[in-house]
Amino acid sequence: MRPLVVYTASRIGLFAIALGVLYVLGLRSWLWLLIAAFLLSGLASYVLLSKQRDAMSLRITEAGTSRSGHDTPDPDESYRSQPEDPRDGEGKP
């Protein structure tokens, strides 16, 4: 949960900083200010937050594969395919 919170807070912070900087620089139209701040903060987060994004991605991946009923990787990091049930094809035309 922590990597998700850190990444989200960082994205919001970058958006607020971009909004403030663009406002100080003279962009006063609220629509264009929001659009420009969104684009600028998105580009900045792509460059500056790669470590946090990777940590969040790893955490989400680990959470998804640790649930019961999901395939789990073998020690060689490859996923096993589940054996097919021979009864699946029976009774179908």
Foldseek 3Di string as FASTA:
>chain_A
DVLVVVLVVLLVVQLVVQLVVVVVVPPDDVVVSNVRSNVVSVVVCVPPVPVSVVVVVVVVVVVVQVDPPHFDADPVRDTDDDDDDVCPPPPDD
